[in-house]
Amino acid sequence: MKNVLELIDSFDQGGSERQAVELTKGLYHSGKYKVHVACLNDHGVLRTELEQIGFHDIPEFKLTRFYNLNGAKQVRRFAQLLRDLQIDVLHTHDFYTNIFGMAAAALARLKAPVASRRESSKRASHKRRVERGAYRVARAVIANCENVREQLIAEGVPQEKIVTIHNGLNTSRFAPRVDFNRAQAFARLGVNADPASKFVCIVANLRPVKDHETFLRAMQLVSHEVPDAAFLLAGEGELLESLQAIAAELGIGDRTFFLGRCRITEDVLALSEVCVLSSISEGFSNSIIEYMAASRPVVATDVGGAREALTDNTGFLVEPGDFRKVAEHVIYLLRHPDVSQAMGQRAQMRATKEFSAARQLKRVEDLYEQLLDLGRPATDI
């Protein structure tokens, strides 16, 4: 049995970390490869999920900077681990693990190093140059949407190295439940709202790139046209206080609920009539496919892979920052529940067919197999 190692940055509740942990769990349960895990930082709530299936001693390679003696020492340590475990496939999942992992893979002369690009945001040119060096070591680079693939090609990564594999999701977790109890969901989330409210939600950590201010300005307009509308924001981050202040200034503070870190996202989606994502940059959004799997219509900014996800009339796309258009689409969906329901049903069917965890796992396993099979290129998949 071949040895695979998944190198994860940390176990914080972020999109890339969630995807890496879910893929690791899928590979473990599949049994096709012997799976190992290492990380750059061993903190975060997602670690518990790996411990539950037996990953208790996860090696940590903590960095202060890439370019110092500690960084070089950690790369050598990791390269030795790759040799000791006789790793056949190393899979890295983001900017930092790409650079660190591919440097160690080169030292260990690994057969099948696999890097990933999961973001469409711009980085400083010197950082992208360093990452391109990592891609030169990689046998394959996974892009999580065509938009990211096009960026990689524009940056000079050979097309034959790039494989597009969309994010995967346990879609059944978010499927509507016939036994769903709204009052119990309010209690679990700590929301003290009128149960008859029409909720609009956004699931995104409170960081500048998610542009919650656009969401809040749109919801102010929604509140004027739909008096019983209320708003749920699921996520944590450094912008909490400033966004609470903005909601108050806009006059919607009493109907806007900041839920913080939310482990019961399915409750948030089940309560919501419409789901929004207002990001100014994304790779392929986990939140969008969660919305779709929950059979909810989506209003999202046209960034990253949103256009690839929201086909077949499953949602509306708007330009980043256009809060008036966001409001227009949300108001329309709240006023036309039949349209909203039909759109949500189409979204759920598409998510189940195209963005399941099982589909993603199959494509990743196929990639590993083909890279290990007599050096066949990634584009043979």
Foldseek 3Di string as FASTA:
>chain_A
DAEEEEEEAEAAPDDLNVLSLLLQVVCVVVPPHHYAYEYQYYDYDRVVVVVVVPHDDHHHQHDPDCPDPSNVVSLCVVLVVCVVVVHQEYEYGDLVCLLSVLSSCVVNVHLAYEYEYWWDDDDPPVSVVSSVVSLVSHLAYEAQAVSVLVVCVVVPRDNLRYDHFHAADQLVLQEDDPPDDLVVLCVVQVHDADLPAAEEEEEDAPDVQQPCVLVLVLVLVLCVLRVRYAYEYEHYDDCVVVVLVSNVVSVRNVRYYYRYHDPPVSSVLNSHQEYETQGQIGARDPRQLSNLSNLFAYEYEPYHCPVVLCPPQLYHYDHHSPSNVVNVRVNVCVVCVVSGNVSSVVSNVSSVPRHHPVSSSVLVVVQSVCSPPVRHTSVVD
